[in-house]
C-alpha cells in the first residue's frame, strides 16, 4: 500500500469535529430489537451488506427468537434461512455454536462485555466492538472496509491491517470513538466510496490526502 502523508494533530482534531458535526446521531443500519438480534445481524454482516442482512434476518428471528431456540435448531434449516448471505455455511455453523455457548455458559443471555463476546464462535474483535459500540455506546473503534479506506485516504493511518488501524484511530481520536466509527462507516459507504467517490463538495476535501487520485 502506498504511504500517504499522515494527518497532523491539528488536522486530526478538525477531521474528528467534522465527522461528529456531519453525523451527529449516526447508528448502525442493521435492524434489530435486542442484543441477541444485534449480535446475529453483525455476525451475518461480515463481507455482506447491511441491506442484504436486513432482508435475511426477519425470518431468522421469527424462527429462532432467542438463544435457546437457535441452540436447538437444525443446521440445515438455519442454512436455508441465510443462504443468500455470503459464506452462509460457516455463518450458520457459527450461529448455532454461538447460541449453544450462550445457553451453556451465560444462562441464555448474550454477554455485554467485549472479552466475553470474543469467546463466542464467529465473534472476532471487530464484531464484538461493533456490538459494544451500537448497544452500549462503548468508547471503542471497529474497522471494517469502509473505516479502513477512509482512515487511509485521510492520512489517519498507514497500517496494513484492520487491527493496527483500529489501534491508531483509537490512539489519535481518544474519545467519541463510538460516534466516529459509525460516522466513518456511513461516510465510506455513501460518499468516500471505493469506486467513484463523490469528492465534489465533500466536507472532508481540505483534509483528503488522496483527492488527486480521483480527478478526471
N, C-alpha and C. Protein backbone atom coordinates (compact mmCIF):
# COMPACT_ATOMS: atom_id res chain seq x y z
N UNK A 1 0.84 -1.20 0.00
CA UNK A 1 0.00 0.00 0.00
C UNK A 1 0.88 1.25 0.00
N UNK A 2 0.55 2.20 -0.84
CA UNK A 2 1.33 3.43 -0.95
C UNK A 2 1.19 4.25 0.33
N UNK A 3 2.34 4.72 0.82
CA UNK A 3 2.34 5.53 2.02
C UNK A 3 1.74 6.90 1.73
N UNK A 4 0.88 7.34 2.61
CA UNK A 4 0.23 8.65 2.47
C UNK A 4 0.70 9.53 3.62
N UNK A 5 0.90 10.79 3.33
CA UNK A 5 1.37 11.72 4.36
C UNK A 5 0.40 11.72 5.53
N UNK A 6 0.89 11.45 6.74
CA UNK A 6 0.00 11.36 7.89
C UNK A 6 -0.62 12.71 8.26
N UNK A 7 -1.83 12.66 8.74
CA UNK A 7 -2.52 13.87 9.18
C UNK A 7 -1.82 14.43 10.42
N UNK A 8 -1.76 15.73 10.53
CA UNK A 8 -1.17 16.36 11.71
C UNK A 8 -2.17 16.31 12.87
N UNK A 9 -1.68 16.62 14.06
CA UNK A 9 -2.56 16.63 15.23
C UNK A 9 -3.71 17.61 15.04
N UNK A 10 -3.41 18.76 14.45
CA UNK A 10 -4.44 19.77 14.20
C UNK A 10 -5.47 19.25 13.19
N UNK A 11 -4.98 18.57 12.16
CA UNK A 11 -5.88 18.01 11.14
C UNK A 11 -6.76 16.92 11.75
N UNK A 12 -6.19 16.11 12.61
CA UNK A 12 -6.95 15.04 13.25
C UNK A 12 -8.11 15.61 14.06
N UNK A 13 -7.85 16.67 14.80
CA UNK A 13 -8.91 17.30 15.59
C UNK A 13 -10.00 17.88 14.69
N UNK A 14 -9.58 18.46 13.57
CA UNK A 14 -10.55 19.04 12.63
C UNK A 14 -11.39 17.94 11.97
N UNK A 15 -10.75 16.84 11.59
CA UNK A 15 -11.44 15.71 10.99
C UNK A 15 -12.46 15.13 11.97
N UNK A 16 -12.04 14.98 13.20
CA UNK A 16 -12.92 14.45 14.24
C UNK A 16 -14.16 15.34 14.41
N UNK A 17 -13.93 16.63 14.48
CA UNK A 17 -15.04 17.58 14.66
C UNK A 17 -16.00 17.54 13.47
N UNK A 18 -15.46 17.42 12.27
CA UNK A 18 -16.30 17.39 11.07
C UNK A 18 -17.15 16.13 11.01
N UNK A 19 -16.57 15.01 11.39
CA UNK A 19 -17.35 13.77 11.39
C UNK A 19 -18.52 13.86 12.38
N UNK A 20 -18.24 14.36 13.57
CA UNK A 20 -19.29 14.47 14.59
C UNK A 20 -20.35 15.49 14.17
N UNK A 21 -19.90 16.56 13.52
CA UNK A 21 -20.85 17.59 13.06
C UNK A 21 -21.76 17.06 11.96
N UNK A 22 -21.20 16.30 11.04
CA UNK A 22 -21.96 15.82 9.89
C UNK A 22 -22.75 14.54 10.15
N UNK A 23 -22.37 13.80 11.19
CA UNK A 23 -23.09 12.58 11.54
C UNK A 23 -23.36 12.59 13.05
N UNK A 24 -24.18 13.52 13.52
CA UNK A 24 -24.36 13.69 14.96
C UNK A 24 -25.09 12.53 15.64
N UNK A 25 -25.95 11.86 14.92
CA UNK A 25 -26.75 10.79 15.53
C UNK A 25 -26.59 9.48 14.76
N UNK A 26 -25.39 9.22 14.31
CA UNK A 26 -25.16 8.05 13.47
C UNK A 26 -25.29 6.75 14.26
N UNK A 27 -26.04 5.81 13.70
CA UNK A 27 -26.20 4.48 14.28
C UNK A 27 -26.10 3.46 13.15
N UNK A 28 -26.02 2.21 13.52
CA UNK A 28 -25.94 1.16 12.51
C UNK A 28 -27.20 1.11 11.66
N UNK A 29 -27.06 0.66 10.43
CA UNK A 29 -28.21 0.49 9.55
C UNK A 29 -28.79 -0.92 9.66
N UNK A 30 -28.17 -1.75 10.48
CA UNK A 30 -28.71 -3.08 10.74
C UNK A 30 -29.97 -2.96 11.60
N UNK A 31 -30.96 -3.76 11.30
CA UNK A 31 -32.23 -3.70 12.03
C UNK A 31 -32.28 -4.79 13.09
N UNK A 32 -32.60 -4.38 14.32
CA UNK A 32 -32.64 -5.35 15.43
C UNK A 32 -33.53 -4.80 16.54
N UNK A 33 -33.97 -5.69 17.43
CA UNK A 33 -34.83 -5.29 18.54
C UNK A 33 -34.18 -5.50 19.90
N UNK A 34 -33.13 -6.30 19.94
CA UNK A 34 -32.47 -6.58 21.21
C UNK A 34 -31.02 -7.00 20.97
N UNK A 35 -30.31 -7.27 22.04
CA UNK A 35 -28.88 -7.59 21.93
C UNK A 35 -28.64 -8.87 21.15
N UNK A 36 -29.49 -9.86 21.36
CA UNK A 36 -29.39 -11.13 20.63
C UNK A 36 -29.49 -10.90 19.13
N UNK A 37 -30.49 -10.14 18.71
CA UNK A 37 -30.68 -9.87 17.29
C UNK A 37 -29.54 -9.03 16.72
N UNK A 38 -29.04 -8.08 17.50
CA UNK A 38 -27.93 -7.25 17.04
C UNK A 38 -26.69 -8.11 16.80
N UNK A 39 -26.39 -8.99 17.74
CA UNK A 39 -25.21 -9.84 17.59
C UNK A 39 -25.30 -10.69 16.33
N UNK A 40 -26.45 -11.29 16.10
CA UNK A 40 -26.62 -12.11 14.90
C UNK A 40 -26.48 -11.27 13.64
N UNK A 41 -27.09 -10.10 13.63
CA UNK A 41 -27.02 -9.23 12.45
C UNK A 41 -25.59 -8.82 12.15
N UNK A 42 -24.83 -8.50 13.18
CA UNK A 42 -23.43 -8.10 12.98
C UNK A 42 -22.61 -9.30 12.50
N UNK A 43 -22.87 -10.47 13.04
CA UNK A 43 -22.16 -11.67 12.59
C UNK A 43 -22.44 -11.93 11.11
N UNK A 44 -23.67 -11.77 10.70
CA UNK A 44 -24.03 -12.02 9.30
C UNK A 44 -23.48 -10.94 8.36
N UNK A 45 -23.24 -9.74 8.89
CA UNK A 45 -22.84 -8.61 8.04
C UNK A 45 -21.39 -8.68 7.58
N UNK A 46 -20.62 -9.61 8.14
CA UNK A 46 -19.22 -9.76 7.71
C UNK A 46 -19.17 -10.11 6.23
N UNK A 47 -18.55 -9.24 5.45
CA UNK A 47 -18.43 -9.42 4.00
C UNK A 47 -19.81 -9.57 3.32
N UNK A 48 -20.79 -8.92 3.91
CA UNK A 48 -22.15 -8.91 3.35
C UNK A 48 -22.73 -7.53 3.65
N UNK A 49 -23.59 -7.02 2.80
CA UNK A 49 -24.14 -5.69 3.01
C UNK A 49 -25.21 -5.69 4.10
N UNK A 50 -25.35 -4.55 4.77
CA UNK A 50 -26.40 -4.41 5.77
C UNK A 50 -27.77 -4.59 5.14
N UNK A 51 -27.92 -4.11 3.92
CA UNK A 51 -29.20 -4.23 3.21
C UNK A 51 -29.58 -5.69 3.05
N UNK A 52 -28.64 -6.51 2.65
CA UNK A 52 -28.90 -7.94 2.47
C UNK A 52 -29.23 -8.60 3.82
N UNK A 53 -28.47 -8.25 4.85
CA UNK A 53 -28.71 -8.81 6.18
C UNK A 53 -30.12 -8.47 6.66
N UNK A 54 -30.55 -7.24 6.42
CA UNK A 54 -31.88 -6.83 6.86
C UNK A 54 -33.00 -7.56 6.12
N UNK A 55 -32.70 -8.08 4.94
CA UNK A 55 -33.67 -8.89 4.20
C UNK A 55 -33.75 -10.29 4.80
N UNK A 56 -32.60 -10.80 5.24
CA UNK A 56 -32.49 -12.17 5.74
C UNK A 56 -33.04 -12.33 7.16
N UNK A 57 -32.75 -11.37 8.03
CA UNK A 57 -32.96 -11.59 9.47
C UNK A 57 -34.41 -11.69 9.94
N UNK A 58 -35.41 -11.03 9.35
CA UNK A 58 -36.77 -11.17 9.89
C UNK A 58 -37.25 -12.61 10.01
N UNK A 59 -37.06 -13.40 8.97
CA UNK A 59 -37.49 -14.81 9.01
C UNK A 59 -36.65 -15.60 10.01
N UNK A 60 -35.37 -15.28 10.08
CA UNK A 60 -34.47 -15.97 11.01
C UNK A 60 -34.88 -15.69 12.46
N UNK A 61 -35.16 -14.43 12.75
CA UNK A 61 -35.55 -14.04 14.11
C UNK A 61 -36.93 -14.60 14.48
N UNK A 62 -37.80 -14.73 13.49
CA UNK A 62 -39.12 -15.29 13.76
C UNK A 62 -39.01 -16.78 14.09
N UNK A 63 -38.14 -17.47 13.35
CA UNK A 63 -37.95 -18.91 13.59
C UNK A 63 -37.20 -19.18 14.89
N UNK A 64 -36.24 -18.32 15.19
CA UNK A 64 -35.39 -18.52 16.38
C UNK A 64 -35.30 -17.20 17.15
N UNK A 65 -36.30 -16.91 17.98
CA UNK A 65 -36.38 -15.61 18.65
C UNK A 65 -35.44 -15.42 19.84
N UNK A 66 -34.73 -16.48 20.22
CA UNK A 66 -33.84 -16.36 21.38
C UNK A 66 -32.72 -17.40 21.28
N UNK A 67 -31.70 -17.28 22.12
CA UNK A 67 -30.57 -18.21 22.04
C UNK A 67 -30.95 -19.67 22.25
N UNK A 68 -31.93 -19.94 23.09
CA UNK A 68 -32.33 -21.32 23.35
C UNK A 68 -32.88 -21.98 22.09
N UNK A 69 -33.77 -21.28 21.39
CA UNK A 69 -34.35 -21.85 20.17
C UNK A 69 -33.30 -22.03 19.09
N UNK A 70 -32.37 -21.10 19.00
CA UNK A 70 -31.31 -21.21 18.00
C UNK A 70 -30.33 -22.33 18.36
N UNK A 71 -30.06 -22.48 19.64
CA UNK A 71 -29.13 -23.53 20.09
C UNK A 71 -29.66 -24.92 19.73
N UNK A 72 -30.97 -25.05 19.66
CA UNK A 72 -31.58 -26.35 19.35
C UNK A 72 -32.03 -26.47 17.90
N UNK A 73 -31.63 -25.52 17.08
CA UNK A 73 -32.05 -25.51 15.67
C UNK A 73 -31.32 -26.57 14.86
N UNK A 74 -31.93 -26.95 13.76
CA UNK A 74 -31.29 -27.85 12.82
C UNK A 74 -30.40 -27.02 11.89
N UNK A 75 -29.17 -27.46 11.72
CA UNK A 75 -28.20 -26.70 10.92
C UNK A 75 -28.71 -26.44 9.51
N UNK A 76 -29.31 -27.43 8.89
CA UNK A 76 -29.79 -27.27 7.51
C UNK A 76 -30.91 -26.23 7.43
N UNK A 77 -31.73 -26.16 8.46
CA UNK A 77 -32.82 -25.17 8.48
C UNK A 77 -32.25 -23.76 8.58
N UNK A 78 -31.21 -23.59 9.39
CA UNK A 78 -30.58 -22.28 9.54
C UNK A 78 -29.91 -21.88 8.23
N UNK A 79 -29.22 -22.83 7.61
CA UNK A 79 -28.58 -22.55 6.32
C UNK A 79 -29.60 -22.10 5.29
N UNK A 80 -30.75 -22.75 5.28
CA UNK A 80 -31.80 -22.41 4.30
C UNK A 80 -32.29 -20.99 4.50
N UNK A 81 -32.31 -20.53 5.73
CA UNK A 81 -32.81 -19.18 6.02
C UNK A 81 -31.79 -18.08 5.69
N UNK A 82 -30.51 -18.44 5.67
CA UNK A 82 -29.49 -17.40 5.43
C UNK A 82 -28.68 -17.67 4.16
N UNK A 83 -29.21 -18.51 3.27
CA UNK A 83 -28.40 -18.94 2.12
C UNK A 83 -28.14 -17.86 1.07
N UNK A 84 -28.74 -16.68 1.22
CA UNK A 84 -28.40 -15.58 0.31
C UNK A 84 -27.32 -14.68 0.90
N UNK A 85 -26.82 -15.06 2.06
CA UNK A 85 -25.75 -14.31 2.72
C UNK A 85 -24.41 -14.92 2.33
N UNK A 86 -23.40 -14.10 2.20
CA UNK A 86 -22.07 -14.61 1.87
C UNK A 86 -21.57 -15.55 2.96
N UNK A 87 -20.89 -16.62 2.56
CA UNK A 87 -20.31 -17.60 3.49
C UNK A 87 -21.35 -18.17 4.45
N UNK A 88 -22.56 -18.42 3.93
CA UNK A 88 -23.67 -18.84 4.80
C UNK A 88 -23.43 -20.17 5.50
N UNK A 89 -22.65 -21.06 4.88
CA UNK A 89 -22.39 -22.35 5.52
C UNK A 89 -21.65 -22.18 6.84
N UNK A 90 -20.54 -21.44 6.80
CA UNK A 90 -19.77 -21.21 8.02
C UNK A 90 -20.54 -20.35 9.02
N UNK A 91 -21.27 -19.36 8.51
CA UNK A 91 -22.02 -18.49 9.40
C UNK A 91 -23.12 -19.26 10.13
N UNK A 92 -23.78 -20.17 9.43
CA UNK A 92 -24.83 -20.98 10.07
C UNK A 92 -24.23 -21.83 11.20
N UNK A 93 -23.08 -22.44 10.93
CA UNK A 93 -22.42 -23.25 11.97
C UNK A 93 -22.04 -22.40 13.17
N UNK A 94 -21.52 -21.20 12.90
CA UNK A 94 -21.12 -20.32 13.99
C UNK A 94 -22.32 -19.81 14.78
N UNK A 95 -23.43 -19.55 14.11
CA UNK A 95 -24.63 -19.10 14.81
C UNK A 95 -25.10 -20.15 15.81
N UNK A 96 -25.11 -21.41 15.39
CA UNK A 96 -25.52 -22.49 16.30
C UNK A 96 -24.55 -22.63 17.47
N UNK A 97 -23.24 -22.62 17.16
CA UNK A 97 -22.24 -22.74 18.23
C UNK A 97 -22.31 -21.56 19.19
N UNK A 98 -22.52 -20.37 18.64
CA UNK A 98 -22.65 -19.18 19.48
C UNK A 98 -23.82 -19.33 20.44
N UNK A 99 -24.98 -19.71 19.90
CA UNK A 99 -26.17 -19.85 20.73
C UNK A 99 -25.99 -20.93 21.79
N UNK A 100 -25.38 -22.04 21.41
CA UNK A 100 -25.15 -23.13 22.36
C UNK A 100 -24.24 -22.70 23.50
N UNK A 101 -23.21 -21.91 23.16
CA UNK A 101 -22.30 -21.40 24.18
C UNK A 101 -23.00 -20.41 25.12
N UNK A 102 -23.86 -19.57 24.55
CA UNK A 102 -24.60 -18.61 25.36
C UNK A 102 -25.52 -19.33 26.35
N UNK A 103 -26.17 -20.39 25.88
CA UNK A 103 -27.05 -21.17 26.75
C UNK A 103 -26.25 -21.89 27.84
N UNK A 104 -25.14 -22.49 27.44
CA UNK A 104 -24.35 -23.30 28.37
C UNK A 104 -23.53 -22.47 29.36
N UNK A 105 -23.02 -21.34 28.89
CA UNK A 105 -22.07 -20.58 29.72
C UNK A 105 -22.58 -19.25 30.24
N UNK A 106 -23.67 -18.75 29.68
CA UNK A 106 -24.15 -17.42 30.09
C UNK A 106 -25.64 -17.40 30.41
N UNK A 107 -26.17 -18.57 30.78
CA UNK A 107 -27.59 -18.68 31.18
C UNK A 107 -28.55 -18.13 30.14
N UNK A 108 -28.17 -18.26 28.88
CA UNK A 108 -29.06 -17.84 27.79
C UNK A 108 -29.07 -16.35 27.53
N UNK A 109 -28.17 -15.61 28.16
CA UNK A 109 -28.10 -14.15 27.98
C UNK A 109 -26.81 -13.78 27.25
N UNK A 110 -26.94 -13.00 26.19
CA UNK A 110 -25.73 -12.54 25.46
C UNK A 110 -24.89 -11.67 26.39
N UNK A 111 -23.62 -12.00 26.59
CA UNK A 111 -22.78 -11.17 27.46
C UNK A 111 -22.47 -9.83 26.82
N UNK A 112 -22.60 -8.77 27.59
CA UNK A 112 -22.31 -7.44 27.06
C UNK A 112 -20.94 -6.97 27.55
N UNK A 113 -19.95 -7.79 27.32
CA UNK A 113 -18.57 -7.47 27.64
C UNK A 113 -17.71 -7.96 26.49
N UNK A 114 -16.82 -7.12 26.02
CA UNK A 114 -16.03 -7.47 24.84
C UNK A 114 -15.22 -8.75 25.05
N UNK A 115 -14.61 -8.89 26.22
CA UNK A 115 -13.77 -10.06 26.48
C UNK A 115 -14.57 -11.36 26.50
N UNK A 116 -15.85 -11.26 26.81
CA UNK A 116 -16.71 -12.44 26.80
C UNK A 116 -17.28 -12.68 25.41
N UNK A 117 -17.62 -11.62 24.71
CA UNK A 117 -18.17 -11.76 23.36
C UNK A 117 -17.20 -12.48 22.43
N UNK A 118 -15.93 -12.15 22.52
CA UNK A 118 -14.95 -12.74 21.60
C UNK A 118 -14.72 -14.22 21.86
N UNK A 119 -15.23 -14.74 22.97
CA UNK A 119 -15.13 -16.17 23.25
C UNK A 119 -16.17 -16.96 22.46
N UNK A 120 -17.18 -16.26 21.92
CA UNK A 120 -18.26 -16.92 21.19
C UNK A 120 -17.83 -17.24 19.76
N UNK A 121 -18.30 -18.35 19.24
CA UNK A 121 -17.97 -18.76 17.86
C UNK A 121 -18.40 -17.68 16.87
N UNK A 122 -17.52 -17.37 15.94
CA UNK A 122 -17.86 -16.41 14.90
C UNK A 122 -17.80 -14.95 15.32
N UNK A 123 -17.36 -14.71 16.54
CA UNK A 123 -17.29 -13.33 17.05
C UNK A 123 -15.83 -12.94 17.26
N UNK A 124 -15.31 -12.15 16.35
CA UNK A 124 -13.95 -11.63 16.48
C UNK A 124 -13.97 -10.27 17.13
N UNK A 125 -12.82 -9.65 17.17
CA UNK A 125 -12.69 -8.35 17.83
C UNK A 125 -13.57 -7.29 17.19
N UNK A 126 -13.61 -7.27 15.85
CA UNK A 126 -14.41 -6.26 15.17
C UNK A 126 -15.89 -6.42 15.48
N UNK A 127 -16.38 -7.66 15.39
CA UNK A 127 -17.80 -7.92 15.67
C UNK A 127 -18.14 -7.53 17.10
N UNK A 128 -17.29 -7.93 18.04
CA UNK A 128 -17.52 -7.59 19.45
C UNK A 128 -17.54 -6.08 19.64
N UNK A 129 -16.61 -5.38 19.01
CA UNK A 129 -16.56 -3.93 19.14
C UNK A 129 -17.81 -3.26 18.57
N UNK A 130 -18.26 -3.73 17.41
CA UNK A 130 -19.45 -3.15 16.79
C UNK A 130 -20.65 -3.33 17.70
N UNK A 131 -20.80 -4.51 18.28
CA UNK A 131 -21.92 -4.77 19.20
C UNK A 131 -21.83 -3.85 20.41
N UNK A 132 -20.66 -3.71 20.98
CA UNK A 132 -20.48 -2.85 22.15
C UNK A 132 -20.70 -1.38 21.82
N UNK A 133 -20.26 -0.97 20.65
CA UNK A 133 -20.45 0.41 20.19
C UNK A 133 -21.93 0.72 20.04
N UNK A 134 -22.62 -0.16 19.33
CA UNK A 134 -24.02 0.09 18.99
C UNK A 134 -24.95 -0.07 20.20
N UNK A 135 -24.74 -1.10 20.98
CA UNK A 135 -25.68 -1.41 22.06
C UNK A 135 -25.37 -0.69 23.37
N UNK A 136 -24.08 -0.45 23.61
CA UNK A 136 -23.69 0.14 24.88
C UNK A 136 -23.02 1.50 24.76
N UNK A 137 -22.86 1.98 23.51
CA UNK A 137 -22.18 3.27 23.33
C UNK A 137 -20.76 3.24 23.84
N UNK A 138 -20.13 2.07 23.76
CA UNK A 138 -18.77 1.91 24.29
C UNK A 138 -17.77 2.75 23.50
N UNK A 139 -16.78 3.27 24.21
CA UNK A 139 -15.76 4.09 23.57
C UNK A 139 -14.73 3.18 22.90
N UNK A 140 -15.18 2.55 21.80
CA UNK A 140 -14.35 1.62 21.05
C UNK A 140 -14.40 1.98 19.57
N UNK A 141 -13.39 1.54 18.84
CA UNK A 141 -13.34 1.73 17.39
C UNK A 141 -13.36 0.36 16.73
N UNK A 142 -14.16 0.23 15.69
CA UNK A 142 -14.19 -1.00 14.91
C UNK A 142 -13.86 -0.63 13.47
N UNK A 143 -13.02 -1.43 12.83
CA UNK A 143 -12.55 -1.10 11.48
C UNK A 143 -13.06 -2.12 10.47
N UNK A 144 -14.01 -1.70 9.67
CA UNK A 144 -14.45 -2.53 8.54
C UNK A 144 -13.81 -1.97 7.28
N UNK A 145 -14.24 -2.44 6.13
CA UNK A 145 -13.62 -2.00 4.88
C UNK A 145 -13.79 -0.50 4.64
N UNK A 146 -14.94 0.06 5.07
CA UNK A 146 -15.19 1.49 4.87
C UNK A 146 -14.29 2.33 5.78
N UNK A 147 -14.25 1.97 7.05
CA UNK A 147 -13.41 2.72 8.01
C UNK A 147 -11.95 2.62 7.60
N UNK A 148 -11.52 1.45 7.18
CA UNK A 148 -10.13 1.25 6.75
C UNK A 148 -9.80 2.18 5.58
N UNK A 149 -10.67 2.23 4.59
CA UNK A 149 -10.44 3.06 3.40
C UNK A 149 -10.41 4.54 3.76
N UNK A 150 -11.38 4.97 4.53
CA UNK A 150 -11.47 6.39 4.90
C UNK A 150 -10.26 6.80 5.74
N UNK A 151 -9.89 5.96 6.68
CA UNK A 151 -8.74 6.27 7.55
C UNK A 151 -7.47 6.48 6.74
N UNK A 152 -7.29 5.66 5.71
CA UNK A 152 -6.08 5.77 4.90
C UNK A 152 -6.14 6.96 3.95
N UNK A 153 -7.30 7.22 3.40
CA UNK A 153 -7.42 8.36 2.48
C UNK A 153 -7.24 9.70 3.20
N UNK A 154 -7.57 9.72 4.49
CA UNK A 154 -7.44 10.96 5.25
C UNK A 154 -6.11 11.06 5.99
N UNK A 155 -5.26 10.07 5.79
CA UNK A 155 -3.96 10.12 6.44
C UNK A 155 -4.01 9.84 7.93
N UNK A 156 -5.07 9.16 8.37
CA UNK A 156 -5.21 8.83 9.79
C UNK A 156 -4.47 7.55 10.14
N UNK A 157 -4.16 6.76 9.12
CA UNK A 157 -3.43 5.51 9.36
C UNK A 157 -2.71 5.06 8.09
N UNK A 158 -1.57 4.44 8.28
CA UNK A 158 -0.85 3.80 7.19
C UNK A 158 -0.71 2.30 7.47
N UNK A 159 -1.42 1.82 8.49
CA UNK A 159 -1.33 0.42 8.88
C UNK A 159 -1.89 -0.47 7.79
N UNK A 160 -1.37 -1.68 7.71
CA UNK A 160 -1.79 -2.61 6.66
C UNK A 160 -2.86 -3.59 7.11
N UNK A 161 -3.21 -3.55 8.40
CA UNK A 161 -4.25 -4.45 8.90
C UNK A 161 -5.34 -3.65 9.61
N UNK A 162 -6.53 -4.26 9.70
CA UNK A 162 -7.65 -3.61 10.38
C UNK A 162 -7.35 -3.42 11.87
N UNK A 163 -6.72 -4.41 12.49
CA UNK A 163 -6.43 -4.33 13.92
C UNK A 163 -5.47 -3.18 14.22
N UNK A 164 -4.42 -3.04 13.41
CA UNK A 164 -3.46 -1.95 13.62
C UNK A 164 -4.10 -0.60 13.33
N UNK A 165 -4.97 -0.56 12.32
CA UNK A 165 -5.68 0.67 12.00
C UNK A 165 -6.58 1.06 13.17
N UNK A 166 -7.24 0.08 13.75
CA UNK A 166 -8.08 0.33 14.93
C UNK A 166 -7.25 0.94 16.07
N UNK A 167 -6.07 0.38 16.29
CA UNK A 167 -5.19 0.88 17.35
C UNK A 167 -4.80 2.34 17.11
N UNK A 168 -4.48 2.64 15.85
CA UNK A 168 -4.05 4.01 15.52
C UNK A 168 -5.21 5.00 15.67
N UNK A 169 -6.39 4.63 15.19
CA UNK A 169 -7.54 5.52 15.30
C UNK A 169 -7.92 5.75 16.76
N UNK A 170 -7.86 4.69 17.54
CA UNK A 170 -8.19 4.80 18.97
C UNK A 170 -7.23 5.75 19.67
N UNK A 171 -5.96 5.63 19.34
CA UNK A 171 -4.93 6.48 19.96
C UNK A 171 -5.07 7.94 19.52
N UNK A 172 -5.42 8.14 18.24
CA UNK A 172 -5.49 9.51 17.71
C UNK A 172 -6.78 10.23 18.09
N UNK A 173 -7.89 9.53 18.07
CA UNK A 173 -9.17 10.18 18.38
C UNK A 173 -9.47 10.21 19.89
N UNK A 174 -9.11 9.15 20.57
CA UNK A 174 -9.24 9.02 22.04
C UNK A 174 -10.69 8.95 22.54
N UNK A 175 -11.50 9.94 22.21
CA UNK A 175 -12.88 9.99 22.72
C UNK A 175 -13.90 9.98 21.59
N UNK A 176 -15.16 9.76 21.94
CA UNK A 176 -16.26 9.73 20.96
C UNK A 176 -16.04 8.67 19.88
N UNK A 177 -15.34 7.60 20.24
CA UNK A 177 -15.00 6.59 19.24
C UNK A 177 -16.24 5.91 18.67
N UNK A 178 -17.25 5.70 19.50
CA UNK A 178 -18.46 5.02 19.00
C UNK A 178 -19.15 5.84 17.93
N UNK A 179 -19.18 7.17 18.11
CA UNK A 179 -19.79 8.05 17.11
C UNK A 179 -18.92 8.14 15.86
N UNK A 180 -17.63 8.19 16.05
CA UNK A 180 -16.71 8.32 14.93
C UNK A 180 -16.69 7.05 14.08
N UNK A 181 -16.77 5.91 14.72
CA UNK A 181 -16.82 4.64 13.97
C UNK A 181 -17.98 4.65 12.99
N UNK A 182 -19.18 4.92 13.50
CA UNK A 182 -20.35 4.85 12.62
C UNK A 182 -20.35 5.97 11.59
N UNK A 183 -19.83 7.13 11.95
CA UNK A 183 -19.72 8.24 11.00
C UNK A 183 -18.81 7.85 9.84
N UNK A 184 -17.70 7.21 10.15
CA UNK A 184 -16.76 6.80 9.11
C UNK A 184 -17.35 5.70 8.24
N UNK A 185 -18.15 4.81 8.85
CA UNK A 185 -18.83 3.76 8.07
C UNK A 185 -19.76 4.40 7.04
N UNK A 186 -20.60 5.31 7.50
CA UNK A 186 -21.58 5.93 6.61
C UNK A 186 -20.90 6.81 5.55
N UNK A 187 -19.86 7.51 5.96
CA UNK A 187 -19.11 8.35 5.03
C UNK A 187 -18.47 7.49 3.94
N UNK A 188 -17.89 6.38 4.34
CA UNK A 188 -17.25 5.48 3.37
C UNK A 188 -18.25 4.75 2.50
N UNK A 189 -19.40 4.44 3.06
CA UNK A 189 -20.41 3.69 2.32
C UNK A 189 -21.09 4.54 1.25
N UNK A 190 -21.37 5.80 1.58
CA UNK A 190 -22.17 6.62 0.68
C UNK A 190 -21.44 7.77 0.00
N UNK A 191 -20.29 8.15 0.51
CA UNK A 191 -19.58 9.29 -0.11
C UNK A 191 -18.16 8.92 -0.53
N UNK A 192 -17.35 8.50 0.41
CA UNK A 192 -15.96 8.17 0.11
C UNK A 192 -15.88 6.71 -0.31
N UNK A 193 -16.59 6.39 -1.39
CA UNK A 193 -16.72 5.01 -1.85
C UNK A 193 -15.42 4.49 -2.47
N UNK A 194 -15.31 3.18 -2.53
CA UNK A 194 -14.10 2.56 -3.07
C UNK A 194 -13.92 2.94 -4.54
N UNK A 195 -15.03 2.91 -5.28
CA UNK A 195 -15.02 3.27 -6.70
C UNK A 195 -15.88 4.51 -6.90
N UNK A 196 -15.35 5.46 -7.63
CA UNK A 196 -16.06 6.71 -7.92
C UNK A 196 -16.55 7.42 -6.65
N UNK A 197 -15.63 7.76 -5.76
CA UNK A 197 -16.02 8.52 -4.56
C UNK A 197 -16.57 9.89 -4.97
N UNK A 198 -17.51 10.39 -4.20
CA UNK A 198 -18.13 11.68 -4.51
C UNK A 198 -17.31 12.81 -3.86
N UNK A 199 -16.26 13.18 -4.55
CA UNK A 199 -15.31 14.16 -4.00
C UNK A 199 -15.81 15.61 -4.10
N UNK A 200 -16.59 15.91 -5.14
CA UNK A 200 -17.05 17.28 -5.36
C UNK A 200 -17.91 17.75 -4.19
N UNK A 201 -17.48 18.82 -3.56
CA UNK A 201 -18.24 19.39 -2.46
C UNK A 201 -18.15 18.60 -1.16
N UNK A 202 -17.23 17.66 -1.09
CA UNK A 202 -17.09 16.84 0.12
C UNK A 202 -16.60 17.69 1.29
N UNK A 203 -17.20 17.48 2.46
CA UNK A 203 -16.82 18.29 3.63
C UNK A 203 -15.43 17.92 4.15
N UNK A 204 -14.86 16.83 3.66
CA UNK A 204 -13.51 16.44 4.07
C UNK A 204 -12.46 16.80 3.02
N UNK A 205 -12.85 17.52 2.01
CA UNK A 205 -11.94 17.81 0.89
C UNK A 205 -10.62 18.42 1.34
N UNK A 206 -10.67 19.31 2.31
CA UNK A 206 -9.46 20.00 2.75
C UNK A 206 -8.47 19.07 3.44
N UNK A 207 -8.95 17.91 3.89
CA UNK A 207 -8.10 17.00 4.65
C UNK A 207 -7.80 15.70 3.92
N UNK A 208 -8.35 15.53 2.72
CA UNK A 208 -8.14 14.31 1.95
C UNK A 208 -6.72 14.30 1.38
N UNK A 209 -6.01 13.20 1.60
CA UNK A 209 -4.63 13.08 1.12
C UNK A 209 -4.55 12.43 -0.25
N UNK A 210 -5.71 11.96 -0.76
CA UNK A 210 -5.70 11.19 -2.00
C UNK A 210 -6.62 11.76 -3.08
N UNK A 211 -7.12 12.97 -2.88
CA UNK A 211 -8.10 13.51 -3.82
C UNK A 211 -7.56 13.65 -5.23
N UNK A 212 -6.26 13.85 -5.38
CA UNK A 212 -5.67 13.96 -6.72
C UNK A 212 -5.87 12.67 -7.52
N UNK A 213 -5.90 11.57 -6.82
CA UNK A 213 -6.06 10.25 -7.47
C UNK A 213 -7.39 10.14 -8.21
N UNK A 214 -8.40 10.86 -7.69
CA UNK A 214 -9.75 10.67 -8.24
C UNK A 214 -10.17 11.77 -9.22
N UNK A 215 -9.27 12.65 -9.54
CA UNK A 215 -9.60 13.71 -10.51
C UNK A 215 -9.67 13.12 -11.92
N UNK A 216 -10.69 13.51 -12.63
CA UNK A 216 -10.87 13.01 -14.01
C UNK A 216 -10.02 13.85 -14.95
